[in-house]
Amino acid sequence: MFIKNLRTLQQYNAHVTVHDPWANPEVARREYGVEIVKELPHDTFDAVILAVAHDSFKEIDFDTLKNGHTVIYDVKGILQSNIDGKL
């Protein structure tokens, strides 16, 4: 499901950065055509979508990723605060 959503965002010309410290970048590239960054970028974003429930994501200061109008969507429901939506 994540790959389908990723492709949809890309069709709308969204610049998407995929960060997953657990995923193997070579496998993701080969199997799904997805580039993964292992280190959390120092950029700011319009949207942050948490699609996996790694405990390490609970330690992220999401305020440092916001650009002033950022939406944070927690698909897995791992965050207790600082989010705009969850399933």
N, C-alpha and C. Protein backbone atom coordinates (compact mmCIF):
# COMPACT_ATOMS: atom_id res chain seq x y z
N MET A 1 0.82 -1.20 0.00
CA MET A 1 0.00 0.00 0.00
C MET A 1 0.87 1.26 0.00
N PHE A 2 1.97 1.23 0.74
CA PHE A 2 2.83 2.41 0.79
C PHE A 2 3.35 2.76 -0.60
N ILE A 3 3.75 1.77 -1.37
CA ILE A 3 4.31 2.03 -2.69
C ILE A 3 3.26 2.66 -3.59
N LYS A 4 2.02 2.19 -3.52
CA LYS A 4 0.94 2.78 -4.31
C LYS A 4 0.74 4.24 -3.93
N ASN A 5 0.74 4.54 -2.64
CA ASN A 5 0.59 5.92 -2.18
C ASN A 5 1.78 6.78 -2.59
N LEU A 6 2.96 6.21 -2.54
CA LEU A 6 4.16 6.91 -2.96
C LEU A 6 4.06 7.27 -4.43
N ARG A 7 3.65 6.35 -5.26
CA ARG A 7 3.51 6.60 -6.70
C ARG A 7 2.46 7.68 -6.97
N THR A 8 1.38 7.68 -6.20
CA THR A 8 0.35 8.71 -6.36
C THR A 8 0.91 10.08 -6.04
N LEU A 9 1.66 10.19 -4.95
CA LEU A 9 2.27 11.48 -4.59
C LEU A 9 3.22 11.94 -5.69
N GLN A 10 3.98 11.03 -6.24
CA GLN A 10 4.93 11.37 -7.31
C GLN A 10 4.20 11.81 -8.58
N GLN A 11 3.02 11.26 -8.85
CA GLN A 11 2.24 11.69 -10.02
C GLN A 11 1.80 13.14 -9.89
N TYR A 12 1.67 13.61 -8.67
CA TYR A 12 1.31 15.01 -8.41
C TYR A 12 2.55 15.88 -8.26
N ASN A 13 3.69 15.36 -8.72
CA ASN A 13 4.97 16.08 -8.70
C ASN A 13 5.45 16.41 -7.29
N ALA A 14 5.05 15.60 -6.32
CA ALA A 14 5.55 15.79 -4.96
C ALA A 14 6.99 15.28 -4.89
N HIS A 15 7.84 16.04 -4.25
CA HIS A 15 9.20 15.59 -3.98
C HIS A 15 9.12 14.76 -2.70
N VAL A 16 9.40 13.48 -2.81
CA VAL A 16 9.23 12.55 -1.69
C VAL A 16 10.59 12.06 -1.22
N THR A 17 10.81 12.16 0.09
CA THR A 17 12.00 11.59 0.72
C THR A 17 11.55 10.43 1.59
N VAL A 18 12.11 9.26 1.37
CA VAL A 18 11.75 8.09 2.16
C VAL A 18 12.90 7.80 3.12
N HIS A 19 12.58 7.87 4.41
CA HIS A 19 13.57 7.59 5.46
C HIS A 19 13.12 6.37 6.23
N ASP A 20 13.96 5.36 6.26
CA ASP A 20 13.69 4.16 7.05
C ASP A 20 15.02 3.57 7.47
N PRO A 21 15.37 3.71 8.75
CA PRO A 21 16.67 3.21 9.21
C PRO A 21 16.79 1.69 9.18
N TRP A 22 15.67 0.98 9.08
CA TRP A 22 15.71 -0.48 9.07
C TRP A 22 15.73 -1.08 7.67
N ALA A 23 15.18 -0.37 6.71
CA ALA A 23 15.05 -0.93 5.36
C ALA A 23 16.40 -0.99 4.66
N ASN A 24 16.55 -1.98 3.82
CA ASN A 24 17.76 -2.14 3.02
C ASN A 24 17.60 -1.32 1.74
N PRO A 25 18.41 -0.26 1.57
CA PRO A 25 18.26 0.59 0.39
C PRO A 25 18.42 -0.15 -0.94
N GLU A 26 19.31 -1.13 -0.98
CA GLU A 26 19.51 -1.88 -2.23
C GLU A 26 18.28 -2.71 -2.60
N VAL A 27 17.67 -3.34 -1.61
CA VAL A 27 16.47 -4.13 -1.85
C VAL A 27 15.31 -3.22 -2.27
N ALA A 28 15.14 -2.09 -1.58
CA ALA A 28 14.06 -1.16 -1.91
C ALA A 28 14.20 -0.63 -3.34
N ARG A 29 15.42 -0.34 -3.73
CA ARG A 29 15.68 0.16 -5.09
C ARG A 29 15.38 -0.93 -6.12
N ARG A 30 15.88 -2.13 -5.87
CA ARG A 30 15.73 -3.23 -6.82
C ARG A 30 14.28 -3.71 -6.91
N GLU A 31 13.64 -3.91 -5.78
CA GLU A 31 12.29 -4.50 -5.77
C GLU A 31 11.18 -3.49 -6.06
N TYR A 32 11.36 -2.24 -5.59
CA TYR A 32 10.28 -1.27 -5.68
C TYR A 32 10.63 0.00 -6.44
N GLY A 33 11.91 0.17 -6.78
CA GLY A 33 12.32 1.40 -7.45
C GLY A 33 12.28 2.61 -6.53
N VAL A 34 12.46 2.39 -5.25
CA VAL A 34 12.39 3.45 -4.24
C VAL A 34 13.77 3.71 -3.67
N GLU A 35 14.14 4.99 -3.62
CA GLU A 35 15.39 5.39 -2.98
C GLU A 35 15.11 5.68 -1.51
N ILE A 36 15.89 5.08 -0.63
CA ILE A 36 15.73 5.27 0.81
C ILE A 36 16.96 5.96 1.36
N VAL A 37 16.73 6.94 2.23
CA VAL A 37 17.83 7.58 2.94
C VAL A 37 17.89 6.98 4.35
N LYS A 38 19.07 6.59 4.76
CA LYS A 38 19.24 5.94 6.06
C LYS A 38 19.28 6.94 7.22
N GLU A 39 19.80 8.14 6.95
CA GLU A 39 19.87 9.18 7.98
C GLU A 39 18.71 10.15 7.82
N LEU A 40 18.15 10.59 8.92
CA LEU A 40 17.06 11.55 8.88
C LEU A 40 17.55 12.85 8.24
N PRO A 41 16.88 13.31 7.20
CA PRO A 41 17.32 14.55 6.54
C PRO A 41 17.19 15.76 7.46
N HIS A 42 17.99 16.78 7.17
CA HIS A 42 17.93 18.02 7.94
C HIS A 42 17.09 19.06 7.21
N ASP A 43 16.17 18.60 6.37
CA ASP A 43 15.28 19.47 5.61
C ASP A 43 14.01 19.72 6.39
N THR A 44 13.16 20.61 5.85
CA THR A 44 11.81 20.77 6.36
C THR A 44 10.86 20.30 5.26
N PHE A 45 9.64 19.94 5.67
CA PHE A 45 8.72 19.28 4.76
C PHE A 45 7.31 19.85 4.87
N ASP A 46 6.56 19.74 3.78
CA ASP A 46 5.14 20.11 3.79
C ASP A 46 4.31 19.05 4.50
N ALA A 47 4.74 17.80 4.39
CA ALA A 47 4.02 16.69 5.01
C ALA A 47 5.01 15.63 5.48
N VAL A 48 4.67 15.01 6.59
CA VAL A 48 5.42 13.87 7.11
C VAL A 48 4.42 12.75 7.30
N ILE A 49 4.69 11.61 6.66
CA ILE A 49 3.80 10.46 6.79
C ILE A 49 4.58 9.34 7.47
N LEU A 50 4.14 8.96 8.66
CA LEU A 50 4.76 7.85 9.37
C LEU A 50 4.03 6.59 8.95
N ALA A 51 4.69 5.76 8.14
CA ALA A 51 4.05 4.57 7.59
C ALA A 51 4.53 3.28 8.26
N VAL A 52 5.50 3.38 9.16
CA VAL A 52 5.99 2.24 9.92
C VAL A 52 6.07 2.64 11.39
N ALA A 53 6.11 1.66 12.26
CA ALA A 53 6.04 1.92 13.70
C ALA A 53 7.35 1.65 14.41
N HIS A 54 8.45 2.06 13.83
CA HIS A 54 9.74 1.88 14.49
C HIS A 54 9.81 2.74 15.75
N ASP A 55 10.29 2.16 16.84
CA ASP A 55 10.42 2.91 18.09
C ASP A 55 11.30 4.13 17.93
N SER A 56 12.29 4.05 17.05
CA SER A 56 13.20 5.19 16.88
C SER A 56 12.47 6.44 16.38
N PHE A 57 11.33 6.26 15.71
CA PHE A 57 10.58 7.43 15.23
C PHE A 57 9.92 8.18 16.38
N LYS A 58 9.71 7.52 17.51
CA LYS A 58 9.14 8.19 18.67
C LYS A 58 10.10 9.23 19.25
N GLU A 59 11.38 9.09 18.95
CA GLU A 59 12.41 9.99 19.48
C GLU A 59 12.64 11.21 18.60
N ILE A 60 12.04 11.27 17.44
CA ILE A 60 12.27 12.38 16.51
C ILE A 60 11.56 13.63 17.00
N ASP A 61 12.24 14.75 16.94
CA ASP A 61 11.62 16.04 17.23
C ASP A 61 11.00 16.54 15.92
N PHE A 62 9.72 16.26 15.74
CA PHE A 62 9.05 16.57 14.49
C PHE A 62 8.94 18.07 14.23
N ASP A 63 9.06 18.88 15.27
CA ASP A 63 9.05 20.33 15.05
C ASP A 63 10.21 20.77 14.16
N THR A 64 11.32 20.04 14.20
CA THR A 64 12.47 20.41 13.37
C THR A 64 12.24 20.07 11.90
N LEU A 65 11.23 19.26 11.61
CA LEU A 65 10.92 18.89 10.22
C LEU A 65 9.84 19.77 9.60
N LYS A 66 9.18 20.58 10.43
CA LYS A 66 8.08 21.41 9.94
C LYS A 66 8.58 22.68 9.26
N ASN A 67 7.86 23.08 8.21
CA ASN A 67 8.23 24.29 7.49
C ASN A 67 7.24 25.42 7.71
N GLY A 68 6.37 25.31 8.66
CA GLY A 68 5.40 26.36 8.95
C GLY A 68 3.97 25.94 8.67
N HIS A 69 3.77 25.06 7.72
CA HIS A 69 2.43 24.58 7.41
C HIS A 69 2.41 23.06 7.17
N THR A 70 3.21 22.37 7.92
CA THR A 70 3.40 20.93 7.75
C THR A 70 2.26 20.13 8.36
N VAL A 71 1.85 19.08 7.67
CA VAL A 71 0.89 18.11 8.18
C VAL A 71 1.66 16.85 8.56
N ILE A 72 1.41 16.35 9.76
CA ILE A 72 2.02 15.09 10.19
C ILE A 72 0.91 14.06 10.28
N TYR A 73 1.06 12.98 9.50
CA TYR A 73 0.06 11.92 9.48
C TYR A 73 0.68 10.63 9.97
N ASP A 74 0.16 10.12 11.06
CA ASP A 74 0.69 8.94 11.73
C ASP A 74 -0.18 7.73 11.37
N VAL A 75 0.21 7.01 10.33
CA VAL A 75 -0.57 5.87 9.84
C VAL A 75 -0.66 4.77 10.89
N LYS A 76 0.40 4.52 11.63
CA LYS A 76 0.45 3.40 12.59
C LYS A 76 0.02 3.79 14.00
N GLY A 77 -0.20 5.08 14.26
CA GLY A 77 -0.66 5.50 15.59
C GLY A 77 0.37 5.37 16.68
N ILE A 78 1.65 5.62 16.36
CA ILE A 78 2.69 5.45 17.38
C ILE A 78 2.97 6.71 18.17
N LEU A 79 2.55 7.86 17.66
CA LEU A 79 2.80 9.12 18.36
C LEU A 79 1.59 9.50 19.20
N GLN A 80 1.85 10.11 20.33
CA GLN A 80 0.77 10.52 21.22
C GLN A 80 0.42 11.99 21.05
N SER A 81 1.34 12.77 20.49
CA SER A 81 1.09 14.20 20.31
C SER A 81 1.80 14.67 19.05
N ASN A 82 1.60 15.93 18.70
CA ASN A 82 2.30 16.56 17.59
C ASN A 82 1.92 15.96 16.23
N ILE A 83 0.66 15.50 16.10
CA ILE A 83 0.21 14.91 14.85
C ILE A 83 -1.07 15.59 14.38
N ASP A 84 -1.35 15.47 13.10
CA ASP A 84 -2.57 16.05 12.54
C ASP A 84 -3.61 14.99 12.18
N GLY A 85 -3.20 13.72 12.16
CA GLY A 85 -4.15 12.68 11.85
C GLY A 85 -3.55 11.31 12.06
N LYS A 86 -4.41 10.32 12.28
CA LYS A 86 -3.98 8.94 12.37
C LYS A 86 -5.16 8.04 12.08
N LEU A 87 -4.88 6.79 11.74
CA LEU A 87 -5.94 5.82 11.46
C LEU A 87 -6.40 5.18 12.74
